[in-house]
Amino acid sequence: MSKPPLDPDVADVAPNEPALTAYDEQHVVTYVRLLQAEGEGADWREVARVVLHMDPKREPERARSAYQSHLARAKWVTEQGRMLRGTGSK
């Protein structure tokens, strides 16, 4: 796996495939940031603005949906364990 970008733009919805995707590999830093923010009790709106580059005031449904789907994917990736240990497949 090549070095992932530090602050990539995100799709409106994270992948939901049963295997790791190229999108997952590109967004590993995003996933880590989401998990850290959740662990710190950060407000989802601030996380959506800073991490996902979405404005929850202008587009609350889009921002909330993107936040929820990416956080769920981050948890899935972590639970699968393969990617964050550096053994994800392409």
Protein backbone atom coordinates (compact mmCIF):
# COMPACT_ATOMS: atom_id res chain seq x y z
CA MET A 1 0.00 0.00 0.00
CA SER A 2 1.37 3.42 -0.91
CA LYS A 3 1.32 6.28 1.55
CA PRO A 4 -2.28 7.59 1.81
CA PRO A 5 -3.05 11.30 1.35
CA LEU A 6 -3.30 13.22 4.61
CA ASP A 7 -6.49 15.17 3.93
CA PRO A 8 -8.37 13.82 0.89
CA ASP A 9 -11.82 14.90 -0.15
CA VAL A 10 -14.52 12.35 0.58
CA ALA A 11 -17.51 10.96 -1.27
CA ASP A 12 -21.01 11.56 0.04
CA VAL A 13 -21.15 7.91 1.12
CA ALA A 14 -18.31 5.62 2.15
CA PRO A 15 -17.96 2.21 0.48
CA ASN A 16 -20.04 -0.64 1.81
CA GLU A 17 -18.29 -3.55 0.08
CA PRO A 18 -17.34 -6.62 2.14
CA ALA A 19 -13.68 -6.11 1.16
CA LEU A 20 -11.26 -3.25 1.39
CA THR A 21 -11.34 -0.89 -1.58
CA ALA A 22 -8.94 1.58 -3.16
CA TYR A 23 -11.12 4.28 -1.57
CA ASP A 24 -10.48 2.75 1.86
CA GLU A 25 -6.74 2.77 1.24
CA GLN A 26 -6.85 6.42 0.16
CA HIS A 27 -8.90 7.39 3.23
CA VAL A 28 -7.16 5.53 6.03
CA VAL A 29 -6.05 8.85 7.57
CA THR A 30 -9.64 10.11 7.36
CA TYR A 31 -10.83 6.97 9.14
CA VAL A 32 -8.25 7.37 11.89
CA ARG A 33 -9.23 11.02 12.37
CA LEU A 34 -12.92 10.08 12.61
CA LEU A 35 -12.24 7.38 15.19
CA GLN A 36 -10.05 9.71 17.24
CA ALA A 37 -12.68 12.45 17.15
CA GLU A 38 -15.38 10.04 18.25
CA GLY A 39 -13.16 8.79 21.07
CA GLU A 40 -12.67 12.36 22.23
CA GLY A 41 -16.40 13.06 22.13
CA ALA A 42 -16.14 15.66 19.36
CA ASP A 43 -19.35 17.06 17.91
CA TRP A 44 -20.15 15.38 14.60
CA ARG A 45 -20.77 18.77 12.95
CA GLU A 46 -17.26 19.97 13.70
CA VAL A 47 -15.82 16.66 12.52
CA ALA A 48 -17.82 16.85 9.28
CA ARG A 49 -16.54 20.37 8.69
CA VAL A 50 -12.89 19.74 9.51
CA VAL A 51 -12.33 16.12 8.47
CA LEU A 52 -14.89 15.62 5.71
CA HIS A 53 -14.83 19.19 4.31
CA MET A 54 -18.61 19.47 4.43
CA ASP A 55 -20.68 22.32 5.81
CA PRO A 56 -23.28 20.93 8.23
CA LYS A 57 -25.04 24.31 8.40
CA ARG A 58 -25.61 24.51 4.64
CA GLU A 59 -26.09 20.79 3.98
CA PRO A 60 -27.01 19.11 7.27
CA GLU A 61 -28.41 15.89 5.79
CA ARG A 62 -25.48 15.38 3.41
CA ALA A 63 -22.92 16.12 6.12
CA ARG A 64 -24.61 13.86 8.68
CA SER A 65 -24.99 11.01 6.21
CA ALA A 66 -21.35 11.28 5.09
CA TYR A 67 -20.18 11.42 8.70
CA GLN A 68 -22.21 8.37 9.69
CA SER A 69 -21.23 6.27 6.68
CA HIS A 70 -17.53 7.11 6.96
CA LEU A 71 -17.47 6.50 10.71
CA ALA A 72 -19.20 3.14 10.20
CA ARG A 73 -16.67 2.25 7.52
CA ALA A 74 -13.79 3.33 9.78
CA LYS A 75 -15.09 0.99 12.47
CA TRP A 76 -15.50 -1.84 9.96
CA VAL A 77 -11.94 -1.35 8.70
CA THR A 78 -10.64 -1.35 12.27
CA GLU A 79 -12.65 -4.43 13.22
CA GLN A 80 -11.40 -6.25 10.14
CA GLY A 81 -7.94 -5.21 11.28
CA ARG A 82 -6.26 -5.84 7.98
CA MET A 83 -5.87 -2.31 6.73
CA LEU A 84 -4.65 -0.50 9.80
CA ARG A 85 -2.00 -3.18 10.27
CA GLY A 86 -0.85 -2.50 6.72
CA THR A 87 -2.01 -5.77 5.18
CA GLY A 88 -4.99 -4.47 3.22
CA SER A 89 -5.58 -5.80 -0.25
CA LYS A 90 -6.03 -3.72 -3.37
